[in-house]
PDB file of N, CA and C in Angstrom:
ATOM      1  N   MET A   1       0.848  -1.179   0.000  1.00  0.00           N
ATOM      2  CA  MET A   1       0.000   0.000   0.000  1.00  0.00           C
ATOM      3  C   MET A   1       0.889   1.236   0.000  1.00  0.00           C
ATOM      4  N   ASN A   2       0.573   2.174  -0.865  1.00  0.00           N
ATOM      5  CA  ASN A   2       1.389   3.372  -0.962  1.00  0.00           C
ATOM      6  C   ASN A   2       0.513   4.583  -1.256  1.00  0.00           C
ATOM      7  N   SER A   3      -0.430   4.845  -0.396  1.00  0.00           N
ATOM      8  CA  SER A   3      -1.317   5.970  -0.614  1.00  0.00           C
ATOM      9  C   SER A   3      -1.100   7.041   0.447  1.00  0.00           C
ATOM     10  N   SER A   4      -0.417   8.089   0.058  1.00  0.00           N
ATOM     11  CA  SER A   4      -0.186   9.208   0.973  1.00  0.00           C
ATOM     12  C   SER A   4      -1.494   9.837   1.413  1.00  0.00           C
ATOM     13  N   ILE A   5      -2.489   9.808   0.541  1.00  0.00           N
ATOM     14  CA  ILE A   5      -3.801  10.388   0.890  1.00  0.00           C
ATOM     15  C   ILE A   5      -4.439   9.589   2.021  1.00  0.00           C
ATOM     16  N   PHE A   6      -4.339   8.261   1.958  1.00  0.00           N
ATOM     17  CA  PHE A   6      -4.874   7.417   3.033  1.00  0.00           C
ATOM     18  C   PHE A   6      -4.193   7.763   4.351  1.00  0.00           C
ATOM     19  N   TYR A   7      -2.864   7.821   4.343  1.00  0.00           N
ATOM     20  CA  TYR A   7      -2.128   8.118   5.572  1.00  0.00           C
ATOM     21  C   TYR A   7      -2.446   9.520   6.094  1.00  0.00           C
ATOM     22  N   LEU A   8      -2.642  10.468   5.205  1.00  0.00           N
ATOM     23  CA  LEU A   8      -3.046  11.806   5.630  1.00  0.00           C
ATOM     24  C   LEU A   8      -4.420  11.753   6.301  1.00  0.00           C
ATOM     25  N   GLY A   9      -5.338  10.971   5.746  1.00  0.00           N
ATOM     26  CA  GLY A   9      -6.659  10.801   6.356  1.00  0.00           C
ATOM     27  C   GLY A   9      -6.565  10.213   7.756  1.00  0.00           C
ATOM     28  N   VAL A  10      -5.703   9.212   7.926  1.00  0.00           N
ATOM     29  CA  VAL A  10      -5.486   8.610   9.253  1.00  0.00           C
ATOM     30  C   VAL A  10      -4.927   9.661  10.211  1.00  0.00           C
ATOM     31  N   ALA A  11      -3.928  10.406   9.764  1.00  0.00           N
ATOM     32  CA  ALA A  11      -3.326  11.438  10.611  1.00  0.00           C
ATOM     33  C   ALA A  11      -4.358  12.491  11.011  1.00  0.00           C
ATOM     34  N   LEU A  12      -5.183  12.906  10.056  1.00  0.00           N
ATOM     35  CA  LEU A  12      -6.209  13.900  10.365  1.00  0.00           C
ATOM     36  C   LEU A  12      -7.225  13.360  11.366  1.00  0.00           C
ATOM     37  N   LEU A  13      -7.584  12.085  11.248  1.00  0.00           N
ATOM     38  CA  LEU A  13      -8.518  11.510  12.217  1.00  0.00           C
ATOM     39  C   LEU A  13      -7.892  11.459  13.605  1.00  0.00           C
ATOM     40  N   LEU A  14      -6.623  11.089  13.683  1.00  0.00           N
ATOM     41  CA  LEU A  14      -5.947  11.058  14.982  1.00  0.00           C
ATOM     42  C   LEU A  14      -5.895  12.453  15.604  1.00  0.00           C
ATOM     43  N   VAL A  15      -5.582  13.451  14.803  1.00  0.00           N
ATOM     44  CA  VAL A  15      -5.558  14.834  15.310  1.00  0.00           C
ATOM     45  C   VAL A  15      -6.979  15.269  15.699  1.00  0.00           C
ATOM     46  N   HIS A  16      -7.962  14.831  14.925  1.00  0.00           N
ATOM     47  CA  HIS A  16      -9.350  15.149  15.269  1.00  0.00           C
ATOM     48  C   HIS A  16      -9.705  14.601  16.650  1.00  0.00           C
ATOM     49  N   GLU A  17      -9.232  13.416  16.967  1.00  0.00           N
ATOM     50  CA  GLU A  17      -9.542  12.833  18.272  1.00  0.00           C
ATOM     51  C   GLU A  17      -8.873  13.609  19.404  1.00  0.00           C
ATOM     52  N   ILE A  18      -7.728  14.207  19.144  1.00  0.00           N
ATOM     53  CA  ILE A  18      -7.121  15.110  20.126  1.00  0.00           C
ATOM     54  C   ILE A  18      -8.007  16.346  20.281  1.00  0.00           C
ATOM     55  N   ASP A  19      -8.433  16.901  19.160  1.00  0.00           N
ATOM     56  CA  ASP A  19      -9.326  18.056  19.167  1.00  0.00           C
ATOM     57  C   ASP A  19     -10.660  17.707  19.827  1.00  0.00           C
ATOM     58  N   ALA A  20     -11.095  16.455  19.672  1.00  0.00           N
ATOM     59  CA  ALA A  20     -12.368  16.020  20.258  1.00  0.00           C
ATOM     60  C   ALA A  20     -12.341  16.104  21.783  1.00  0.00           C
ATOM     61  N   ILE A  21     -11.172  15.922  22.368  1.00  0.00           N
ATOM     62  CA  ILE A  21     -11.064  16.085  23.825  1.00  0.00           C
ATOM     63  C   ILE A  21     -11.230  17.557  24.178  1.00  0.00           C
ATOM     64  N   ARG A  22     -10.602  18.434  23.415  1.00  0.00           N
ATOM     65  CA  ARG A  22     -10.748  19.881  23.637  1.00  0.00           C
ATOM     66  C   ARG A  22     -12.214  20.300  23.511  1.00  0.00           C
ATOM     67  N   CYS A  23     -12.910  19.703  22.556  1.00  0.00           N
ATOM     68  CA  CYS A  23     -14.306  20.066  22.279  1.00  0.00           C
ATOM     69  C   CYS A  23     -15.319  19.207  23.039  1.00  0.00           C
ATOM     70  N   LYS A  24     -14.832  18.324  23.898  1.00  0.00           N
ATOM     71  CA  LYS A  24     -15.692  17.499  24.749  1.00  0.00           C
ATOM     72  C   LYS A  24     -16.738  16.728  23.929  1.00  0.00           C
ATOM     73  N   GLU A  25     -16.237  15.975  22.953  1.00  0.00           N
ATOM     74  CA  GLU A  25     -17.115  15.264  22.025  1.00  0.00           C
ATOM     75  C   GLU A  25     -18.036  14.268  22.719  1.00  0.00           C
ATOM     76  N   TRP A  26     -17.648  13.739  23.866  1.00  0.00           N
ATOM     77  CA  TRP A  26     -18.477  12.772  24.577  1.00  0.00           C
ATOM     78  C   TRP A  26     -19.850  13.352  24.924  1.00  0.00           C
ATOM     79  N   ARG A  27     -19.975  14.664  24.946  1.00  0.00           N
ATOM     80  CA  ARG A  27     -21.254  15.307  25.250  1.00  0.00           C
ATOM     81  C   ARG A  27     -22.283  15.160  24.129  1.00  0.00           C
ATOM     82  N   ILE A  28     -21.834  14.792  22.925  1.00  0.00           N
ATOM     83  CA  ILE A  28     -22.774  14.652  21.809  1.00  0.00           C
ATOM     84  C   ILE A  28     -22.884  13.207  21.307  1.00  0.00           C
ATOM     85  N   ILE A  29     -22.146  12.300  21.906  1.00  0.00           N
ATOM     86  CA  ILE A  29     -22.182  10.898  21.490  1.00  0.00           C
ATOM     87  C   ILE A  29     -23.258  10.172  22.299  1.00  0.00           C
ATOM     88  N   PRO A  30     -24.245   9.601  21.609  1.00  0.00           N
ATOM     89  CA  PRO A  30     -25.270   8.845  22.335  1.00  0.00           C
ATOM     90  C   PRO A  30     -24.629   7.784  23.227  1.00  0.00           C
ATOM     91  N   GLY A  31     -25.128   7.642  24.411  1.00  0.00           N
ATOM     92  CA  GLY A  31     -24.558   6.709  25.383  1.00  0.00           C
ATOM     93  C   GLY A  31     -23.600   7.427  26.312  1.00  0.00           C
ATOM     94  N   LEU A  32     -22.542   7.986  25.765  1.00  0.00           N
ATOM     95  CA  LEU A  32     -21.584   8.725  26.601  1.00  0.00           C
ATOM     96  C   LEU A  32     -22.202  10.010  27.142  1.00  0.00           C
ATOM     97  N   SER A  33     -23.067  10.629  26.373  1.00  0.00           N
ATOM     98  CA  SER A  33     -23.659  11.904  26.800  1.00  0.00           C
ATOM     99  C   SER A  33     -24.564  11.745  28.015  1.00  0.00           C
ATOM    100  N   SER A  34     -24.979  10.523  28.305  1.00  0.00           N
ATOM    101  CA  SER A  34     -25.847  10.302  29.459  1.00  0.00           C
ATOM    102  C   SER A  34     -25.057  10.033  30.744  1.00  0.00           C
ATOM    103  N   LEU A  35     -23.747   9.886  30.623  1.00  0.00           N
ATOM    104  CA  LEU A  35     -22.902   9.633  31.792  1.00  0.00           C
ATOM    105  C   LEU A  35     -22.508  10.944  32.463  1.00  0.00           C
ATOM    106  N   LYS A  36     -22.051  10.846  33.713  1.00  0.00           N
ATOM    107  CA  LYS A  36     -21.507  12.022  34.377  1.00  0.00           C
ATOM    108  C   LYS A  36     -20.292  12.501  33.598  1.00  0.00           C
ATOM    109  N   GLU A  37     -20.059  13.796  33.628  1.00  0.00           N
ATOM    110  CA  GLU A  37     -19.023  14.435  32.809  1.00  0.00           C
ATOM    111  C   GLU A  37     -17.665  13.735  32.917  1.00  0.00           C
ATOM    112  N   ARG A  38     -17.172  13.547  34.120  1.00  0.00           N
ATOM    113  CA  ARG A  38     -15.834  12.963  34.292  1.00  0.00           C
ATOM    114  C   ARG A  38     -15.801  11.502  33.821  1.00  0.00           C
ATOM    115  N   VAL A  39     -16.816  10.749  34.122  1.00  0.00           N
ATOM    116  CA  VAL A  39     -16.880   9.347  33.701  1.00  0.00           C
ATOM    117  C   VAL A  39     -16.925   9.272  32.172  1.00  0.00           C
ATOM    118  N   ALA A  40     -17.714  10.134  31.555  1.00  0.00           N
ATOM    119  CA  ALA A  40     -17.817  10.157  30.099  1.00  0.00           C
ATOM    120  C   ALA A  40     -16.473  10.509  29.464  1.00  0.00           C
ATOM    121  N   MET A  41     -15.785  11.501  30.026  1.00  0.00           N
ATOM    122  CA  MET A  41     -14.487  11.912  29.493  1.00  0.00           C
ATOM    123  C   MET A  41     -13.472  10.771  29.596  1.00  0.00           C
ATOM    124  N   ILE A  42     -13.388  10.151  30.761  1.00  0.00           N
ATOM    125  CA  ILE A  42     -12.431   9.057  30.959  1.00  0.00           C
ATOM    126  C   ILE A  42     -12.758   7.887  30.041  1.00  0.00           C
ATOM    127  N   THR A  43     -14.034   7.563  29.926  1.00  0.00           N
ATOM    128  CA  THR A  43     -14.460   6.476  29.034  1.00  0.00           C
ATOM    129  C   THR A  43     -14.085   6.797  27.594  1.00  0.00           C
ATOM    130  N   PHE A  44     -14.382   8.012  27.156  1.00  0.00           N
ATOM    131  CA  PHE A  44     -14.058   8.454  25.796  1.00  0.00           C
ATOM    132  C   PHE A  44     -12.567   8.304  25.526  1.00  0.00           C
ATOM    133  N   ILE A  45     -11.749   8.775  26.433  1.00  0.00           N
ATOM    134  CA  ILE A  45     -10.294   8.714  26.250  1.00  0.00           C
ATOM    135  C   ILE A  45      -9.809   7.265  26.195  1.00  0.00           C
ATOM    136  N   PHE A  46     -10.221   6.453  27.156  1.00  0.00           N
ATOM    137  CA  PHE A  46      -9.700   5.091  27.229  1.00  0.00           C
ATOM    138  C   PHE A  46     -10.250   4.172  26.143  1.00  0.00           C
ATOM    139  N   LEU A  47     -11.430   4.462  25.606  1.00  0.00           N
ATOM    140  CA  LEU A  47     -11.938   3.668  24.485  1.00  0.00           C
ATOM    141  C   LEU A  47     -11.083   3.861  23.229  1.00  0.00           C
ATOM    142  N   HIS A  48     -10.366   4.959  23.165  1.00  0.00           N
ATOM    143  CA  HIS A  48      -9.525   5.212  21.992  1.00  0.00           C
ATOM    144  C   HIS A  48      -8.246   4.380  21.983  1.00  0.00           C
ATOM    145  N   ILE A  49      -7.857   3.826  23.104  1.00  0.00           N
ATOM    146  CA  ILE A  49      -6.656   2.981  23.133  1.00  0.00           C
ATOM    147  C   ILE A  49      -6.865   1.721  22.292  1.00  0.00           C
ATOM    148  N   PRO A  50      -7.895   0.911  22.563  1.00  0.00           N
ATOM    149  CA  PRO A  50      -8.075  -0.268  21.692  1.00  0.00           C
ATOM    150  C   PRO A  50      -8.450   0.113  20.265  1.00  0.00           C
ATOM    151  N   LEU A  51      -9.161   1.217  20.106  1.00  0.00           N
ATOM    152  CA  LEU A  51      -9.525   1.666  18.764  1.00  0.00           C
ATOM    153  C   LEU A  51      -8.277   2.001  17.944  1.00  0.00           C
ATOM    154  N   PHE A  52      -7.384   2.802  18.498  1.00  0.00           N
ATOM    155  CA  PHE A  52      -6.156   3.163  17.787  1.00  0.00           C
ATOM    156  C   PHE A  52      -5.258   1.953  17.581  1.00  0.00           C
ATOM    157  N   TYR A  53      -5.201   1.069  18.572  1.00  0.00           N
ATOM    158  CA  TYR A  53      -4.416  -0.162  18.431  1.00  0.00           C
ATOM    159  C   TYR A  53      -4.914  -0.954  17.227  1.00  0.00           C
ATOM    160  N   TRP A  54      -6.224  -1.129  17.136  1.00  0.00           N
ATOM    161  CA  TRP A  54      -6.828  -1.903  16.046  1.00  0.00           C
ATOM    162  C   TRP A  54      -6.554  -1.253  14.697  1.00  0.00           C
ATOM    163  N   VAL A  55      -6.704   0.063  14.612  1.00  0.00           N
ATOM    164  CA  VAL A  55      -6.453   0.770  13.348  1.00  0.00           C
ATOM    165  C   VAL A  55      -4.997   0.602  12.927  1.00  0.00           C
ATOM    166  N   ILE A  56      -4.078   0.801  13.836  1.00  0.00           N
ATOM    167  CA  ILE A  56      -2.654   0.673  13.509  1.00  0.00           C
ATOM    168  C   ILE A  56      -2.324  -0.769  13.107  1.00  0.00           C
ATOM    169  N   TYR A  57      -2.882  -1.742  13.819  1.00  0.00           N
ATOM    170  CA  TYR A  57      -2.664  -3.148  13.488  1.00  0.00           C
ATOM    171  C   TYR A  57      -3.158  -3.458  12.071  1.00  0.00           C
ATOM    172  N   LYS A  58      -4.357  -2.988  11.755  1.00  0.00           N
ATOM    173  CA  LYS A  58      -4.934  -3.261  10.439  1.00  0.00           C
ATOM    174  C   LYS A  58      -4.151  -2.558   9.328  1.00  0.00           C
ATOM    175  N   ILE A  59      -3.699  -1.352   9.580  1.00  0.00           N
ATOM    176  CA  ILE A  59      -2.898  -0.646   8.579  1.00  0.00           C
ATOM    177  C   ILE A  59      -1.601  -1.404   8.328  1.00  0.00           C
ATOM    178  N   ASN A  60      -0.978  -1.879   9.394  1.00  0.00           N
ATOM    179  CA  ASN A  60       0.267  -2.628   9.259  1.00  0.00           C
ATOM    180  C   ASN A  60       0.058  -3.915   8.469  1.00  0.00           C
ATOM    181  N   ALA A  61      -1.127  -4.509   8.598  1.00  0.00           N
ATOM    182  CA  ALA A  61      -1.437  -5.734   7.866  1.00  0.00           C
ATOM    183  C   ALA A  61      -1.752  -5.449   6.399  1.00  0.00           C
ATOM    184  N   GLU A  62      -1.901  -4.164   6.054  1.00  0.00           N
ATOM    185  CA  GLU A  62      -2.164  -3.733   4.680  1.00  0.00           C
ATOM    186  C   GLU A  62      -3.337  -4.488   4.051  1.00  0.00           C
ATOM    187  N   GLN A  63      -4.430  -4.562   4.760  1.00  0.00           N
ATOM    188  CA  GLN A  63      -5.621  -5.234   4.257  1.00  0.00           C
ATOM    189  C   GLN A  63      -6.479  -4.236   3.488  1.00  0.00           C
ATOM    190  N   GLN A  64      -6.635  -4.461   2.202  1.00  0.00           N
ATOM    191  CA  GLN A  64      -7.354  -3.525   1.349  1.00  0.00           C
ATOM    192  C   GLN A  64      -8.802  -3.330   1.792  1.00  0.00           C
ATOM    193  N   ASN A  65      -9.441  -4.385   2.287  1.00  0.00           N
ATOM    194  CA  ASN A  65     -10.816  -4.243   2.773  1.00  0.00           C
ATOM    195  C   ASN A  65     -10.892  -3.247   3.923  1.00  0.00           C
ATOM    196  N   PHE A  66      -9.917  -3.313   4.827  1.00  0.00           N
ATOM    197  CA  PHE A  66      -9.895  -2.367   5.938  1.00  0.00           C
ATOM    198  C   PHE A  66      -9.693  -0.953   5.424  1.00  0.00           C
ATOM    199  N   ILE A  67      -8.775  -0.786   4.504  1.00  0.00           N
ATOM    200  CA  ILE A  67      -8.470   0.539   3.965  1.00  0.00           C
ATOM    201  C   ILE A  67      -9.717   1.142   3.305  1.00  0.00           C
ATOM    202  N   THR A  68     -10.407   0.365   2.514  1.00  0.00           N
ATOM    203  CA  THR A  68     -11.637   0.830   1.875  1.00  0.00           C
ATOM    204  C   THR A  68     -12.681   1.181   2.930  1.00  0.00           C
ATOM    205  N   GLY A  69     -12.829   0.326   3.932  1.00  0.00           N
ATOM    206  CA  GLY A  69     -13.773   0.592   5.015  1.00  0.00           C
ATOM    207  C   GLY A  69     -13.419   1.839   5.787  1.00  0.00           C
ATOM    208  N   PHE A  70     -12.133   2.059   6.010  1.00  0.00           N
ATOM    209  CA  PHE A  70     -11.687   3.252   6.727  1.00  0.00           C
ATOM    210  C   PHE A  70     -11.977   4.507   5.912  1.00  0.00           C
ATOM    211  N   ASP A  71     -11.756   4.438   4.606  1.00  0.00           N
ATOM    212  CA  ASP A  71     -12.091   5.567   3.729  1.00  0.00           C
ATOM    213  C   ASP A  71     -13.577   5.897   3.832  1.00  0.00           C
ATOM    214  N   ILE A  72     -14.402   4.883   3.813  1.00  0.00           N
ATOM    215  CA  ILE A  72     -15.847   5.091   3.936  1.00  0.00           C
ATOM    216  C   ILE A  72     -16.181   5.672   5.303  1.00  0.00           C
ATOM    217  N   PHE A  73     -15.517   5.171   6.345  1.00  0.00           N
ATOM    218  CA  PHE A  73     -15.733   5.715   7.684  1.00  0.00           C
ATOM    219  C   PHE A  73     -15.413   7.208   7.740  1.00  0.00           C
ATOM    220  N   LEU A  74     -14.315   7.634   7.097  1.00  0.00           N
ATOM    221  CA  LEU A  74     -13.959   9.051   7.101  1.00  0.00           C
ATOM    222  C   LEU A  74     -15.067   9.900   6.479  1.00  0.00           C
ATOM    223  N   ILE A  75     -15.705   9.383   5.458  1.00  0.00           N
ATOM    224  CA  ILE A  75     -16.802  10.101   4.795  1.00  0.00           C
ATOM    225  C   ILE A  75     -18.029  10.136   5.705  1.00  0.00           C
ATOM    226  N   VAL A  76     -18.382   8.989   6.279  1.00  0.00           N
ATOM    227  CA  VAL A  76     -19.533   8.918   7.194  1.00  0.00           C
ATOM    228  C   VAL A  76     -19.292   9.801   8.413  1.00  0.00           C
ATOM    229  N   HIS A  77     -18.068   9.812   8.904  1.00  0.00           N
ATOM    230  CA  HIS A  77     -17.696  10.649  10.053  1.00  0.00           C
ATOM    231  C   HIS A  77     -17.957  12.123   9.756  1.00  0.00           C
ATOM    232  N   LEU A  78     -17.582  12.565   8.575  1.00  0.00           N
ATOM    233  CA  LEU A  78     -17.843  13.951   8.157  1.00  0.00           C
ATOM    234  C   LEU A  78     -19.352  14.220   8.135  1.00  0.00           C
ATOM    235  N   ILE A  79     -20.105  13.300   7.566  1.00  0.00           N
ATOM    236  CA  ILE A  79     -21.564  13.466   7.490  1.00  0.00           C
ATOM    237  C   ILE A  79     -22.177  13.534   8.889  1.00  0.00           C
ATOM    238  N   LEU A  80     -21.706  12.682   9.797  1.00  0.00           N
ATOM    239  CA  LEU A  80     -22.219  12.712  11.169  1.00  0.00           C
ATOM    240  C   LEU A  80     -21.933  14.050  11.843  1.00  0.00           C
ATOM    241  N   HIS A  81     -20.732  14.582  11.612  1.00  0.00           N
ATOM    242  CA  HIS A  81     -20.425  15.890  12.208  1.00  0.00           C
ATOM    243  C   HIS A  81     -21.313  16.986  11.626  1.00  0.00           C
ATOM    244  N   ILE A  82     -21.639  16.889  10.367  1.00  0.00           N
ATOM    245  CA  ILE A  82     -22.555  17.862   9.762  1.00  0.00           C
ATOM    246  C   ILE A  82     -23.942  17.720  10.393  1.00  0.00           C
ATOM    247  N   LEU A  83     -24.407  16.483  10.569  1.00  0.00           N
ATOM    248  CA  LEU A  83     -25.728  16.252  11.164  1.00  0.00           C
ATOM    249  C   LEU A  83     -25.800  16.724  12.615  1.00  0.00           C
ATOM    250  N   PHE A  84     -24.694  16.588  13.349  1.00  0.00           N
ATOM    251  CA  PHE A  84     -24.665  16.992  14.755  1.00  0.00           C
ATOM    252  C   PHE A  84     -24.238  18.450  14.945  1.00  0.00           C
ATOM    253  N   LEU A  85     -24.085  19.173  13.859  1.00  0.00           N
ATOM    254  CA  LEU A  85     -23.620  20.560  13.936  1.00  0.00           C
ATOM    255  C   LEU A  85     -24.497  21.414  14.844  1.00  0.00           C
ATOM    256  N   TRP A  86     -25.789  21.153  14.846  1.00  0.00           N
ATOM    257  CA  TRP A  86     -26.709  21.985  15.633  1.00  0.00           C
ATOM    258  C   TRP A  86     -27.031  21.397  16.994  1.00  0.00           C
ATOM    259  N   HIS A  87     -26.328  20.337  17.391  1.00  0.00           N
ATOM    260  CA  HIS A  87     -26.514  19.765  18.727  1.00  0.00           C
ATOM    261  C   HIS A  87     -26.121  20.821  19.761  1.00  0.00           C
ATOM    262  N   LYS A  88     -26.898  20.942  20.802  1.00  0.00           N
ATOM    263  CA  LYS A  88     -26.663  22.010  21.792  1.00  0.00           C
ATOM    264  C   LYS A  88     -25.297  21.920  22.474  1.00  0.00           C
ATOM    265  N   ASN A  89     -24.723  20.720  22.557  1.00  0.00           N
ATOM    266  CA  ASN A  89     -23.421  20.555  23.219  1.00  0.00           C
ATOM    267  C   ASN A  89     -22.254  20.446  22.252  1.00  0.00           C
ATOM    268  N   ASN A  90     -22.502  20.677  20.980  1.00  0.00           N
ATOM    269  CA  ASN A  90     -21.438  20.578  19.978  1.00  0.00           C
ATOM    270  C   ASN A  90     -20.509  21.789  20.074  1.00  0.00           C
ATOM    271  N   GLU A  91     -19.246  21.519  20.313  1.00  0.00           N
ATOM    272  CA  GLU A  91     -18.258  22.594  20.398  1.00  0.00           C
ATOM    273  C   GLU A  91     -17.302  22.599  19.211  1.00  0.00           C
ATOM    274  N   PHE A  92     -17.586  21.797  18.195  1.00  0.00           N
ATOM    275  CA  PHE A  92     -16.782  21.796  16.972  1.00  0.00           C
ATOM    276  C   PHE A  92     -17.283  22.937  16.090  1.00  0.00           C
ATOM    277  N   LYS A  93     -16.909  24.147  16.427  1.00  0.00           N
ATOM    278  CA  LYS A  93     -17.453  25.312  15.729  1.00  0.00           C
ATOM    279  C   LYS A  93     -16.389  26.132  14.987  1.00  0.00           C
ATOM    280  N   ASP A  94     -15.132  25.952  15.321  1.00  0.00           N
ATOM    281  CA  ASP A  94     -14.108  26.825  14.739  1.00  0.00           C
ATOM    282  C   ASP A  94     -13.470  26.216  13.495  1.00  0.00           C
ATOM    283  N   TRP A  95     -12.688  27.036  12.809  1.00  0.00           N
ATOM    284  CA  TRP A  95     -12.063  26.628  11.554  1.00  0.00           C
ATOM    285  C   TRP A  95     -11.061  25.501  11.762  1.00  0.00           C
ATOM    286  N   ILE A  96     -10.455  25.432  12.944  1.00  0.00           N
ATOM    287  CA  ILE A  96      -9.468  24.383  13.220  1.00  0.00           C
ATOM    288  C   ILE A  96     -10.153  23.017  13.168  1.00  0.00           C
ATOM    289  N   SER A  97     -11.230  22.874  13.928  1.00  0.00           N
ATOM    290  CA  SER A  97     -11.958  21.602  13.964  1.00  0.00           C
ATOM    291  C   SER A  97     -12.465  21.225  12.583  1.00  0.00           C
ATOM    292  N   TRP A  98     -13.049  22.185  11.881  1.00  0.00           N
ATOM    293  CA  TRP A  98     -13.663  21.872  10.590  1.00  0.00           C
ATOM    294  C   TRP A  98     -12.641  21.624   9.491  1.00  0.00           C
ATOM    295  N   THR A  99     -11.471  22.234   9.577  1.00  0.00           N
ATOM    296  CA  THR A  99     -10.404  21.926   8.619  1.00  0.00           C
ATOM    297  C   THR A  99      -9.982  20.468   8.771  1.00  0.00           C
ATOM    298  N   ILE A 100      -9.872  20.014  10.007  1.00  0.00           N
ATOM    299  CA  ILE A 100      -9.467  18.636  10.280  1.00  0.00           C
ATOM    300  C   ILE A 100     -10.559  17.655   9.844  1.00  0.00           C
ATOM    301  N   ILE A 101     -11.800  17.926  10.235  1.00  0.00           N
ATOM    302  CA  ILE A 101     -12.916  17.022   9.929  1.00  0.00           C
ATOM    303  C   ILE A 101     -13.155  16.931   8.418  1.00  0.00           C
ATOM    304  N   ILE A 102     -13.231  18.074   7.770  1.00  0.00           N
ATOM    305  CA  ILE A 102     -13.459  18.082   6.319  1.00  0.00           C
ATOM    306  C   ILE A 102     -12.260  17.493   5.587  1.00  0.00           C
ATOM    307  N   GLY A 103     -11.058  17.813   6.040  1.00  0.00           N
ATOM    308  CA  GLY A 103      -9.857  17.266   5.415  1.00  0.00           C
ATOM    309  C   GLY A 103      -9.840  15.747   5.454  1.00  0.00           C
ATOM    310  N   ALA A 104     -10.216  15.175   6.589  1.00  0.00           N
ATOM    311  CA  ALA A 104     -10.256  13.712   6.696  1.00  0.00           C
ATOM    312  C   ALA A 104     -11.296  13.136   5.742  1.00  0.00           C
ATOM    313  N   GLY A 105     -12.462  13.757   5.665  1.00  0.00           N
ATOM    314  CA  GLY A 105     -13.500  13.292   4.749  1.00  0.00           C
ATOM    315  C   GLY A 105     -13.067  13.356   3.297  1.00  0.00           C
ATOM    316  N   ILE A 106     -12.398  14.437   2.940  1.00  0.00           N
ATOM    317  CA  ILE A 106     -11.890  14.583   1.566  1.00  0.00           C
ATOM    318  C   ILE A 106     -10.844  13.516   1.268  1.00  0.00           C
ATOM    319  N   CYS A 107      -9.987  13.224   2.243  1.00  0.00           N
ATOM    320  CA  CYS A 107      -8.995  12.152   2.047  1.00  0.00           C
ATOM    321  C   CYS A 107      -9.687  10.819   1.797  1.00  0.00           C
ATOM    322  N   GLY A 108     -10.765  10.539   2.531  1.00  0.00           N
ATOM    323  CA  GLY A 108     -11.509   9.311   2.311  1.00  0.00           C
ATOM    324  C   GLY A 108     -12.065   9.221   0.908  1.00  0.00           C
ATOM    325  N   ILE A 109     -12.641  10.333   0.443  1.00  0.00           N
ATOM    326  CA  ILE A 109     -13.198  10.376  -0.912  1.00  0.00           C
ATOM    327  C   ILE A 109     -12.098  10.170  -1.951  1.00  0.00           C
ATOM    328  N   LEU A 110     -11.023  10.937  -1.819  1.00  0.00           N
ATOM    329  CA  LEU A 110      -9.940  10.857  -2.813  1.00  0.00           C
ATOM    330  C   LEU A 110      -9.288   9.484  -2.840  1.00  0.00           C
ATOM    331  N   ASP A 111      -9.069   8.898  -1.652  1.00  0.00           N
ATOM    332  CA  ASP A 111      -8.428   7.589  -1.619  1.00  0.00           C
ATOM    333  C   ASP A 111      -9.324   6.528  -2.263  1.00  0.00           C
ATOM    334  N   LEU A 112     -10.629   6.626  -2.049  1.00  0.00           N
ATOM    335  CA  LEU A 112     -11.543   5.692  -2.718  1.00  0.00           C
ATOM    336  C   LEU A 112     -11.473   5.850  -4.231  1.00  0.00           C
ATOM    337  N   LEU A 113     -11.377   7.096  -4.674  1.00  0.00           N
ATOM    338  CA  LEU A 113     -11.354   7.354  -6.113  1.00  0.00           C
ATOM    339  C   LEU A 113     -10.082   6.850  -6.784  1.00  0.00           C
ATOM    340  N   ILE A 114      -8.958   6.917  -6.072  1.00  0.00           N
ATOM    341  CA  ILE A 114      -7.691   6.502  -6.694  1.00  0.00           C
ATOM    342  C   ILE A 114      -7.371   5.031  -6.475  1.00  0.00           C
ATOM    343  N   SER A 115      -8.088   4.400  -5.565  1.00  0.00           N
ATOM    344  CA  SER A 115      -7.795   2.974  -5.254  1.00  0.00           C
ATOM    345  C   SER A 115      -8.323   2.051  -6.319  1.00  0.00           C
TER     346      SER A 115
END
């Protein structure tokens, strides 16, 4: 696998998850939003450990099905952020967050097109 666009999409998603802590994304995620603030934050953070482990493992295995699925996820992720834009607890409002979110979605689209 040699797609710089795919790797850029992965990097943007990882940076988005850092930004998601700043923006308290757990407040808009069904399930986590019903927990107490501190419990939701800790759960959100620690759930990313196995998630990132799995993504890195799959990338290392260079499985094309995973790569295609990840590209689709980046697109769906962008759509979900657009749908949740008007959620009362959504703090993804600035150009920094949206550059990262849209950039990841565009990488997903482009990587699908060139694959």
